Amino acid sequence: MSWSTILYEKIDGNIARIVLNRPETHNAQDYLLIEEMDEAMKQAEEDPEVKVIILAGAGPSFSSGHDMSGRGKPSPQRPELSQLPGLEGSLAREQYIYIDKCLVIRNLTKPTIAQVQGHCLAAGWMVAAMCDIIVASEDADFGDPVLRMTPAAVEILFHPWEVGARKAKELLWTGDRITAMEAWRLGAVNKVVPREKLEEETLRIARKIALTPNVTVSLTKRSINRTLDIMGQADAWDYHMLIHQMSHHTEQARAYREERRKAMERGGLREFLKMRDEAYSKA
């Protein structure tokens, strides 16, 4: 299968590498990229030769998050989703394209490794957090500025599980970013390496995991994920999705969307990001 926003290759016959391939946008995720990533993940899952899956990003960044430029492509599988109005439409769109596609990665039977460089922000971090292991380059940074735009974080509230509740509140309320080393210190990243060693180190770990019997790897992954669910992860994520949806429909959110529209008309995405972040950069 061929894709326009995803690169797919097999290494050593038993490692699948899936590469987000919109480098000119820092791999901003439009509907097409998300659906092609989902198809690639399922192809690797169904390939009996594949033992480990690597998720990487082409160019300077792993992913800058969801595409906010207005130029991203709509869902090729469910084009009607973009036309559904109101809360019902918003819930259907975000459940299908954001929640369900992320949970596919989290629940694959095969181990996944995120290979992260540059910006890993908002939905980019959300996707990386669905992987079992994260290897980051020294120049990587992690953050979620979504609250600056009024929604209650991204669709899956992974943050408390990645960095702890107290740090999650700080990062979400301020929109500040953390370095790869800080993410490692907090337990959100497994390894930090120089940029030039990132691919090599990710492959080294993948090859080592591939030596382990795949049945025991899969069963252990299932057991650890079940442990997280018993601790409340799945229920907490379901609850947050409702909170996220409610936040889209507040008066503040409606007013902000109008300001965003005006900023985009004035100067496109760059102008909108300036409007969003300028006050925070001075604080």
C-alpha atoms as a PDB file:
ATOM      1  CA  MET A   1       0.000   0.000   0.000  1.00  0.00           C
ATOM      2  CA  SER A   2       1.257   3.497  -0.820  1.00  0.00           C
ATOM      3  CA  TRP A   3       0.482   6.709   1.034  1.00  0.00           C
ATOM      4  CA  SER A   4       1.064  10.405   0.364  1.00  0.00           C
ATOM      5  CA  THR A   5       1.806  11.536   3.945  1.00  0.00           C
ATOM      6  CA  ILE A   6       3.425   8.385   5.362  1.00  0.00           C
ATOM      7  CA  LEU A   7       6.610   6.488   4.561  1.00  0.00           C
ATOM      8  CA  TYR A   8       6.719   2.795   5.404  1.00  0.00           C
ATOM      9  CA  GLU A   9       9.707   0.489   5.389  1.00  0.00           C
ATOM     10  CA  LYS A  10      10.809  -2.808   6.859  1.00  0.00           C
ATOM     11  CA  ILE A  11      14.226  -3.131   8.448  1.00  0.00           C
ATOM     12  CA  ASP A  12      15.939  -6.477   9.006  1.00  0.00           C
ATOM     13  CA  GLY A  13      12.689  -8.103   7.901  1.00  0.00           C
ATOM     14  CA  ASN A  14      11.116  -7.832  11.364  1.00  0.00           C
ATOM     15  CA  ILE A  15      11.018  -4.091  12.202  1.00  0.00           C
ATOM     16  CA  ALA A  16       8.470  -1.767  10.592  1.00  0.00           C
ATOM     17  CA  ARG A  17       9.307   1.942  10.517  1.00  0.00           C
ATOM     18  CA  ILE A  18       6.403   4.326   9.924  1.00  0.00           C
ATOM     19  CA  VAL A  19       7.460   7.904   9.186  1.00  0.00           C
ATOM     20  CA  LEU A  20       5.173  10.936   9.326  1.00  0.00           C
ATOM     21  CA  ASN A  21       6.057  12.692   6.089  1.00  0.00           C
ATOM     22  CA  ARG A  22       4.871  16.303   6.093  1.00  0.00           C
ATOM     23  CA  PRO A  23       8.224  17.858   7.037  1.00  0.00           C
ATOM     24  CA  GLU A  24       7.308  21.258   5.590  1.00  0.00           C
ATOM     25  CA  THR A  25       4.612  21.549   8.296  1.00  0.00           C
ATOM     26  CA  HIS A  26       6.683  19.942  11.073  1.00  0.00           C
ATOM     27  CA  ASN A  27       4.441  16.907  10.480  1.00  0.00           C
ATOM     28  CA  ALA A  28       1.247  18.694  11.451  1.00  0.00           C
ATOM     29  CA  GLN A  29      -1.501  16.102  11.532  1.00  0.00           C
ATOM     30  CA  ASP A  30      -4.392  16.616   9.148  1.00  0.00           C
ATOM     31  CA  TYR A  31      -7.108  13.991   8.736  1.00  0.00           C
ATOM     32  CA  LEU A  32      -5.308  12.352   5.823  1.00  0.00           C
ATOM     33  CA  LEU A  33      -2.052  11.869   7.734  1.00  0.00           C
ATOM     34  CA  ILE A  34      -3.906  10.440  10.751  1.00  0.00           C
ATOM     35  CA  GLU A  35      -5.834   7.949   8.639  1.00  0.00           C
ATOM     36  CA  GLU A  36      -2.755   6.913   6.668  1.00  0.00           C
ATOM     37  CA  MET A  37      -0.796   6.485   9.915  1.00  0.00           C
ATOM     38  CA  ASP A  38      -3.650   4.298  11.172  1.00  0.00           C
ATOM     39  CA  GLU A  39      -3.567   2.183   8.014  1.00  0.00           C
ATOM     40  CA  ALA A  40       0.213   1.788   8.282  1.00  0.00           C
ATOM     41  CA  MET A  41      -0.022   0.766  11.946  1.00  0.00           C
ATOM     42  CA  LYS A  42      -2.618  -1.868  11.100  1.00  0.00           C
ATOM     43  CA  GLN A  43      -0.508  -3.152   8.209  1.00  0.00           C
ATOM     44  CA  ALA A  44       2.464  -3.615  10.556  1.00  0.00           C
ATOM     45  CA  GLU A  45       0.216  -5.256  13.146  1.00  0.00           C
ATOM     46  CA  GLU A  46      -1.107  -7.757  10.612  1.00  0.00           C
ATOM     47  CA  ASP A  47       2.307  -8.569   9.107  1.00  0.00           C
ATOM     48  CA  PRO A  48       3.441 -11.819  10.770  1.00  0.00           C
ATOM     49  CA  GLU A  49       7.096 -10.951  10.142  1.00  0.00           C
ATOM     50  CA  VAL A  50       7.000  -7.665  12.050  1.00  0.00           C
ATOM     51  CA  LYS A  51       8.001  -7.837  15.712  1.00  0.00           C
ATOM     52  CA  VAL A  52       8.566  -4.147  16.529  1.00  0.00           C
ATOM     53  CA  ILE A  53       7.085  -0.915  15.138  1.00  0.00           C
ATOM     54  CA  ILE A  54       8.949   2.418  15.081  1.00  0.00           C
ATOM     55  CA  LEU A  55       7.032   5.678  14.642  1.00  0.00           C
ATOM     56  CA  ALA A  56       9.200   8.569  13.440  1.00  0.00           C
ATOM     57  CA  GLY A  57       8.862  11.973  11.809  1.00  0.00           C
ATOM     58  CA  ALA A  58      10.628  13.284   8.715  1.00  0.00           C
ATOM     59  CA  GLY A  59      12.424  16.604   8.848  1.00  0.00           C
ATOM     60  CA  PRO A  60      13.177  18.853  11.815  1.00  0.00           C
ATOM     61  CA  SER A  61      10.336  17.723  14.115  1.00  0.00           C
ATOM     62  CA  PHE A  62       8.440  14.641  15.163  1.00  0.00           C
ATOM     63  CA  SER A  63       5.085  16.468  15.070  1.00  0.00           C
ATOM     64  CA  SER A  64       3.835  19.965  15.861  1.00  0.00           C
ATOM     65  CA  GLY A  65       0.329  18.676  16.610  1.00  0.00           C
ATOM     66  CA  HIS A  66      -2.926  18.948  14.709  1.00  0.00           C
ATOM     67  CA  ASP A  67      -2.884  20.967  11.499  1.00  0.00           C
ATOM     68  CA  MET A  68      -4.353  24.400  12.285  1.00  0.00           C
ATOM     69  CA  SER A  69      -3.444  26.037   8.983  1.00  0.00           C
ATOM     70  CA  GLY A  70      -6.790  25.369   7.342  1.00  0.00           C
ATOM     71  CA  ARG A  71      -4.947  23.756   4.425  1.00  0.00           C
ATOM     72  CA  GLY A  72      -4.955  20.190   5.762  1.00  0.00           C
ATOM     73  CA  LYS A  73      -6.824  17.516   3.857  1.00  0.00           C
ATOM     74  CA  PRO A  74     -10.180  16.191   5.142  1.00  0.00           C
ATOM     75  CA  SER A  75     -10.916  12.590   6.028  1.00  0.00           C
ATOM     76  CA  PRO A  76     -10.855  10.441   2.872  1.00  0.00           C
ATOM     77  CA  GLN A  77     -12.764   7.680   4.675  1.00  0.00           C
ATOM     78  CA  ARG A  78     -15.391   9.788   6.454  1.00  0.00           C
ATOM     79  CA  PRO A  79     -15.654  13.112   4.559  1.00  0.00           C
ATOM     80  CA  GLU A  80     -19.105  13.768   5.996  1.00  0.00           C
ATOM     81  CA  LEU A  81     -17.592  14.225   9.463  1.00  0.00           C
ATOM     82  CA  SER A  82     -16.334  17.699   8.575  1.00  0.00           C
ATOM     83  CA  GLN A  83     -19.907  18.802   7.833  1.00  0.00           C
ATOM     84  CA  LEU A  84     -21.642  17.583  10.999  1.00  0.00           C
ATOM     85  CA  PRO A  85     -22.774  20.562  13.113  1.00  0.00           C
ATOM     86  CA  GLY A  86     -22.724  21.289  16.833  1.00  0.00           C
ATOM     87  CA  LEU A  87     -21.736  19.150  19.772  1.00  0.00           C
ATOM     88  CA  GLU A  88     -22.809  15.911  18.108  1.00  0.00           C
ATOM     89  CA  GLY A  89     -20.607  16.588  15.082  1.00  0.00           C
ATOM     90  CA  SER A  90     -17.656  17.664  17.209  1.00  0.00           C
ATOM     91  CA  LEU A  91     -17.893  14.543  19.348  1.00  0.00           C
ATOM     92  CA  ALA A  92     -18.185  12.246  16.325  1.00  0.00           C
ATOM     93  CA  ARG A  93     -15.198  13.856  14.568  1.00  0.00           C
ATOM     94  CA  GLU A  94     -12.883  13.828  17.540  1.00  0.00           C
ATOM     95  CA  GLN A  95     -13.857  10.324  18.633  1.00  0.00           C
ATOM     96  CA  TYR A  96     -13.244   8.889  15.177  1.00  0.00           C
ATOM     97  CA  ILE A  97     -10.124  10.724  14.044  1.00  0.00           C
ATOM     98  CA  TYR A  98      -8.338  11.501  17.306  1.00  0.00           C
ATOM     99  CA  ILE A  99      -9.377   9.133  20.098  1.00  0.00           C
ATOM    100  CA  ASP A 100      -9.924   5.931  18.127  1.00  0.00           C
ATOM    101  CA  LYS A 101      -6.801   6.319  15.990  1.00  0.00           C
ATOM    102  CA  CYS A 102      -4.606   6.992  19.028  1.00  0.00           C
ATOM    103  CA  LEU A 103      -5.997   4.046  20.955  1.00  0.00           C
ATOM    104  CA  VAL A 104      -5.177   1.770  18.031  1.00  0.00           C
ATOM    105  CA  ILE A 105      -1.500   2.610  18.592  1.00  0.00           C
ATOM    106  CA  ARG A 106      -1.769   2.156  22.362  1.00  0.00           C
ATOM    107  CA  ASN A 107      -3.502  -1.219  22.015  1.00  0.00           C
ATOM    108  CA  LEU A 108      -1.439  -2.830  19.248  1.00  0.00           C
ATOM    109  CA  THR A 109      -0.240  -6.271  20.271  1.00  0.00           C
ATOM    110  CA  LYS A 110       3.278  -5.407  19.077  1.00  0.00           C
ATOM    111  CA  PRO A 111       5.723  -3.085  20.871  1.00  0.00           C
ATOM    112  CA  THR A 112       5.994   0.445  19.531  1.00  0.00           C
ATOM    113  CA  ILE A 113       8.833   2.954  19.814  1.00  0.00           C
ATOM    114  CA  ALA A 114       8.437   6.689  19.144  1.00  0.00           C
ATOM    115  CA  GLN A 115      11.598   8.206  17.637  1.00  0.00           C
ATOM    116  CA  VAL A 116      11.293  11.874  18.575  1.00  0.00           C
ATOM    117  CA  GLN A 117      13.288  14.915  17.472  1.00  0.00           C
ATOM    118  CA  GLY A 118      12.521  18.620  17.444  1.00  0.00           C
ATOM    119  CA  HIS A 119       9.012  19.651  18.405  1.00  0.00           C
ATOM    120  CA  CYS A 120       6.688  17.075  19.957  1.00  0.00           C
ATOM    121  CA  LEU A 121       3.691  19.223  20.809  1.00  0.00           C
ATOM    122  CA  ALA A 122       0.023  18.797  21.702  1.00  0.00           C
ATOM    123  CA  ALA A 123      -1.326  16.009  19.464  1.00  0.00           C
ATOM    124  CA  GLY A 124       2.244  15.165  18.474  1.00  0.00           C
ATOM    125  CA  TRP A 125       2.993  14.374  22.102  1.00  0.00           C
ATOM    126  CA  MET A 126      -0.341  12.586  22.393  1.00  0.00           C
ATOM    127  CA  VAL A 127       0.593  10.232  19.551  1.00  0.00           C
ATOM    128  CA  ALA A 128       4.094   9.646  20.942  1.00  0.00           C
ATOM    129  CA  ALA A 129       2.599   8.932  24.377  1.00  0.00           C
ATOM    130  CA  MET A 130       0.550   6.107  22.885  1.00  0.00           C
ATOM    131  CA  CYS A 131       3.786   4.301  22.043  1.00  0.00           C
ATOM    132  CA  ASP A 132       5.366   1.901  24.534  1.00  0.00           C
ATOM    133  CA  ILE A 133       8.832   3.491  24.478  1.00  0.00           C
ATOM    134  CA  ILE A 134      10.025   6.991  23.568  1.00  0.00           C
ATOM    135  CA  VAL A 135      13.576   7.697  22.437  1.00  0.00           C
ATOM    136  CA  ALA A 136      14.259  11.422  22.080  1.00  0.00           C
ATOM    137  CA  SER A 137      17.069  13.507  20.692  1.00  0.00           C
ATOM    138  CA  GLU A 138      18.683  16.144  22.882  1.00  0.00           C
ATOM    139  CA  ASP A 139      17.011  18.911  20.857  1.00  0.00           C
ATOM    140  CA  ALA A 140      13.486  17.557  21.356  1.00  0.00           C
ATOM    141  CA  ASP A 141      10.928  19.503  23.342  1.00  0.00           C
ATOM    142  CA  PHE A 142       7.517  18.481  24.653  1.00  0.00           C
ATOM    143  CA  GLY A 143       4.512  20.646  25.433  1.00  0.00           C
ATOM    144  CA  ASP A 144       0.805  21.237  25.054  1.00  0.00           C
ATOM    145  CA  PRO A 145      -0.331  24.842  24.464  1.00  0.00           C
ATOM    146  CA  VAL A 146      -3.942  23.849  23.777  1.00  0.00           C
ATOM    147  CA  LEU A 147      -5.354  25.548  26.891  1.00  0.00           C
ATOM    148  CA  ARG A 148      -4.112  28.842  25.505  1.00  0.00           C
ATOM    149  CA  MET A 149      -6.780  28.306  22.814  1.00  0.00           C
ATOM    150  CA  THR A 150      -9.527  27.493  25.402  1.00  0.00           C
ATOM    151  CA  PRO A 151     -10.071  23.710  24.861  1.00  0.00           C
ATOM    152  CA  ALA A 152      -9.319  21.521  27.894  1.00  0.00           C
ATOM    153  CA  ALA A 153      -6.075  19.974  26.647  1.00  0.00           C
ATOM    154  CA  VAL A 154      -5.917  17.547  23.745  1.00  0.00           C
ATOM    155  CA  GLU A 155      -8.470  14.791  23.335  1.00  0.00           C
ATOM    156  CA  ILE A 156      -6.638  12.208  25.466  1.00  0.00           C
ATOM    157  CA  LEU A 157      -5.426  13.494  28.834  1.00  0.00           C
ATOM    158  CA  PHE A 158      -2.215  11.489  28.853  1.00  0.00           C
ATOM    159  CA  HIS A 159      -0.235  14.137  30.727  1.00  0.00           C
ATOM    160  CA  PRO A 160      -0.759  13.006  34.374  1.00  0.00           C
ATOM    161  CA  TRP A 161       0.259   9.490  33.381  1.00  0.00           C
ATOM    162  CA  GLU A 162       3.402  10.738  31.649  1.00  0.00           C
ATOM    163  CA  VAL A 163       4.741  13.442  34.007  1.00  0.00           C
ATOM    164  CA  GLY A 164       2.588  13.206  37.163  1.00  0.00           C
ATOM    165  CA  ALA A 165      -0.454  15.206  38.173  1.00  0.00           C
ATOM    166  CA  ARG A 166       1.331  18.226  39.655  1.00  0.00           C
ATOM    167  CA  LYS A 167       3.639  18.783  36.673  1.00  0.00           C
ATOM    168  CA  ALA A 168       0.768  18.108  34.266  1.00  0.00           C
ATOM    169  CA  LYS A 169      -1.218  20.970  35.795  1.00  0.00           C
ATOM    170  CA  GLU A 170       1.726  23.344  35.444  1.00  0.00           C
ATOM    171  CA  LEU A 171       2.426  22.417  31.822  1.00  0.00           C
ATOM    172  CA  LEU A 172      -1.218  22.561  30.771  1.00  0.00           C
ATOM    173  CA  TRP A 173      -2.078  25.794  32.590  1.00  0.00           C
ATOM    174  CA  THR A 174       0.971  27.663  31.269  1.00  0.00           C
ATOM    175  CA  GLY A 175       1.530  25.990  27.907  1.00  0.00           C
ATOM    176  CA  ASP A 176       5.242  25.832  28.735  1.00  0.00           C
ATOM    177  CA  ARG A 177       7.480  23.225  27.136  1.00  0.00           C
ATOM    178  CA  ILE A 178       9.994  20.876  28.690  1.00  0.00           C
ATOM    179  CA  THR A 179      13.276  19.680  27.254  1.00  0.00           C
ATOM    180  CA  ALA A 180      13.998  16.084  26.402  1.00  0.00           C
ATOM    181  CA  MET A 181      16.173  15.763  29.507  1.00  0.00           C
ATOM    182  CA  GLU A 182      13.401  17.114  31.732  1.00  0.00           C
ATOM    183  CA  ALA A 183      10.952  14.686  30.113  1.00  0.00           C
ATOM    184  CA  TRP A 184      13.424  11.888  30.828  1.00  0.00           C
ATOM    185  CA  ARG A 185      13.779  13.016  34.452  1.00  0.00           C
ATOM    186  CA  LEU A 186       9.997  12.924  34.827  1.00  0.00           C
ATOM    187  CA  GLY A 187       9.761   9.456  33.300  1.00  0.00           C
ATOM    188  CA  ALA A 188       8.013  10.514  30.078  1.00  0.00           C
ATOM    189  CA  VAL A 189      10.989   9.521  27.904  1.00  0.00           C
ATOM    190  CA  ASN A 190      13.080   6.340  28.055  1.00  0.00           C
ATOM    191  CA  LYS A 191      16.326   7.620  26.556  1.00  0.00           C
ATOM    192  CA  VAL A 192      17.837  10.895  25.362  1.00  0.00           C
ATOM    193  CA  VAL A 193      20.624  10.807  22.790  1.00  0.00           C
ATOM    194  CA  PRO A 194      22.417  13.237  20.463  1.00  0.00           C
ATOM    195  CA  ARG A 195      20.407  14.007  17.329  1.00  0.00           C
ATOM    196  CA  GLU A 196      22.888  12.215  15.103  1.00  0.00           C
ATOM    197  CA  LYS A 197      22.530   9.043  17.211  1.00  0.00           C
ATOM    198  CA  LEU A 198      18.706   9.037  17.377  1.00  0.00           C
ATOM    199  CA  GLU A 199      17.982   6.618  14.553  1.00  0.00           C
ATOM    200  CA  GLU A 200      20.852   4.340  15.547  1.00  0.00           C
ATOM    201  CA  GLU A 201      19.751   4.129  19.197  1.00  0.00           C
ATOM    202  CA  THR A 202      16.110   3.588  18.309  1.00  0.00           C
ATOM    203  CA  LEU A 203      17.056   0.747  15.987  1.00  0.00           C
ATOM    204  CA  ARG A 204      19.355  -0.750  18.620  1.00  0.00           C
ATOM    205  CA  ILE A 205      16.481  -0.966  21.093  1.00  0.00           C
ATOM    206  CA  ALA A 206      14.098  -2.284  18.438  1.00  0.00           C
ATOM    207  CA  ARG A 207      16.537  -5.019  17.435  1.00  0.00           C
ATOM    208  CA  LYS A 208      17.033  -6.027  21.044  1.00  0.00           C
ATOM    209  CA  ILE A 209      13.284  -6.258  21.642  1.00  0.00           C
ATOM    210  CA  ALA A 210      12.916  -8.274  18.431  1.00  0.00           C
ATOM    211  CA  LEU A 211      15.169 -10.961  19.975  1.00  0.00           C
ATOM    212  CA  THR A 212      12.622 -11.535  22.748  1.00  0.00           C
ATOM    213  CA  PRO A 213       9.869 -14.084  21.984  1.00  0.00           C
ATOM    214  CA  ASN A 214       7.045 -12.078  20.446  1.00  0.00           C
ATOM    215  CA  VAL A 215       4.336 -13.949  22.345  1.00  0.00           C
ATOM    216  CA  THR A 216       5.766 -12.990  25.733  1.00  0.00           C
ATOM    217  CA  VAL A 217       6.354  -9.403  24.612  1.00  0.00           C
ATOM    218  CA  SER A 218       2.735  -9.127  23.492  1.00  0.00           C
ATOM    219  CA  LEU A 219       1.299 -10.740  26.621  1.00  0.00           C
ATOM    220  CA  THR A 220       3.420  -8.566  28.893  1.00  0.00           C
ATOM    221  CA  LYS A 221       2.330  -5.429  27.027  1.00  0.00           C
ATOM    222  CA  ARG A 222      -1.273  -6.513  27.421  1.00  0.00           C
ATOM    223  CA  SER A 223      -0.787  -7.081  31.146  1.00  0.00           C
ATOM    224  CA  ILE A 224       0.906  -3.709  31.736  1.00  0.00           C
ATOM    225  CA  ASN A 225      -1.805  -1.884  29.783  1.00  0.00           C
ATOM    226  CA  ARG A 226      -4.404  -3.744  31.823  1.00  0.00           C
ATOM    227  CA  THR A 227      -2.651  -2.600  34.996  1.00  0.00           C
ATOM    228  CA  LEU A 228      -3.005   1.006  33.830  1.00  0.00           C
ATOM    229  CA  ASP A 229      -6.680   0.441  33.074  1.00  0.00           C
ATOM    230  CA  ILE A 230      -7.271  -1.044  36.536  1.00  0.00           C
ATOM    231  CA  MET A 231      -5.618   2.100  37.916  1.00  0.00           C
ATOM    232  CA  GLY A 232      -8.249   4.080  36.027  1.00  0.00           C
ATOM    233  CA  GLN A 233      -6.518   5.213  32.845  1.00  0.00           C
ATOM    234  CA  ALA A 234      -9.285   4.242  30.403  1.00  0.00           C
ATOM    235  CA  ASP A 235     -12.063   5.699  32.580  1.00  0.00           C
ATOM    236  CA  ALA A 236     -10.080   8.909  33.137  1.00  0.00           C
ATOM    237  CA  TRP A 237      -9.579   9.303  29.385  1.00  0.00           C
ATOM    238  CA  ASP A 238     -13.296   8.760  28.721  1.00  0.00           C
ATOM    239  CA  TYR A 239     -14.155  11.417  31.289  1.00  0.00           C
ATOM    240  CA  HIS A 240     -11.682  13.907  29.871  1.00  0.00           C
ATOM    241  CA  MET A 241     -13.122  13.502  26.373  1.00  0.00           C
ATOM    242  CA  LEU A 242     -16.439  14.826  27.702  1.00  0.00           C
ATOM    243  CA  ILE A 243     -14.672  17.699  29.487  1.00  0.00           C
ATOM    244  CA  HIS A 244     -12.766  18.485  26.295  1.00  0.00           C
ATOM    245  CA  GLN A 245     -16.013  18.607  24.337  1.00  0.00           C
ATOM    246  CA  MET A 246     -17.698  20.852  26.900  1.00  0.00           C
ATOM    247  CA  SER A 247     -14.794  23.290  26.712  1.00  0.00           C
ATOM    248  CA  HIS A 248     -15.298  23.686  22.960  1.00  0.00           C
ATOM    249  CA  HIS A 249     -18.773  25.103  23.525  1.00  0.00           C
ATOM    250  CA  THR A 250     -18.168  27.757  26.172  1.00  0.00           C
ATOM    251  CA  GLU A 251     -18.621  31.460  25.461  1.00  0.00           C
ATOM    252  CA  GLN A 252     -14.870  31.949  25.880  1.00  0.00           C
ATOM    253  CA  ALA A 253     -14.200  29.296  23.251  1.00  0.00           C
ATOM    254  CA  ARG A 254     -16.623  30.904  20.793  1.00  0.00           C
ATOM    255  CA  ALA A 255     -15.032  34.318  21.309  1.00  0.00           C
ATOM    256  CA  TYR A 256     -11.545  32.863  20.873  1.00  0.00           C
ATOM    257  CA  ARG A 257     -12.490  31.144  17.622  1.00  0.00           C
ATOM    258  CA  GLU A 258     -13.602  34.514  16.269  1.00  0.00           C
ATOM    259  CA  GLU A 259     -10.265  36.080  17.277  1.00  0.00           C
ATOM    260  CA  ARG A 260      -8.451  33.181  15.669  1.00  0.00           C
ATOM    261  CA  ARG A 261     -10.436  33.653  12.440  1.00  0.00           C
ATOM    262  CA  LYS A 262      -9.505  37.332  12.313  1.00  0.00           C
ATOM    263  CA  ALA A 263      -5.836  36.579  12.987  1.00  0.00           C
ATOM    264  CA  MET A 264      -5.743  33.958  10.241  1.00  0.00           C
ATOM    265  CA  GLU A 265      -7.293  36.409   7.815  1.00  0.00           C
ATOM    266  CA  ARG A 266      -4.720  39.055   8.741  1.00  0.00           C
ATOM    267  CA  GLY A 267      -1.618  36.925   8.427  1.00  0.00           C
ATOM    268  CA  GLY A 268      -2.330  33.211   8.347  1.00  0.00           C
ATOM    269  CA  LEU A 269      -1.030  30.683  10.847  1.00  0.00           C
ATOM    270  CA  ARG A 270       1.997  32.774  11.802  1.00  0.00           C
ATOM    271  CA  GLU A 271      -0.233  35.664  12.851  1.00  0.00           C
ATOM    272  CA  PHE A 272      -2.511  33.350  14.809  1.00  0.00           C
ATOM    273  CA  LEU A 273       0.420  31.807  16.700  1.00  0.00           C
ATOM    274  CA  LYS A 274       1.715  35.284  17.484  1.00  0.00           C
ATOM    275  CA  MET A 275      -1.697  36.215  18.893  1.00  0.00           C
ATOM    276  CA  ARG A 276      -1.817  32.999  20.912  1.00  0.00           C
ATOM    277  CA  ASP A 277       1.662  33.044  22.400  1.00  0.00           C
ATOM    278  CA  GLU A 278       2.876  36.644  22.559  1.00  0.00           C
ATOM    279  CA  ALA A 279       1.519  37.452  26.034  1.00  0.00           C
ATOM    280  CA  TYR A 280       2.836  34.164  27.435  1.00  0.00           C
ATOM    281  CA  SER A 281       6.324  34.785  26.068  1.00  0.00           C
ATOM    282  CA  LYS A 282       6.499  38.026  28.081  1.00  0.00           C
ATOM    283  CA  ALA A 283       5.203  36.532  31.339  1.00  0.00           C
END
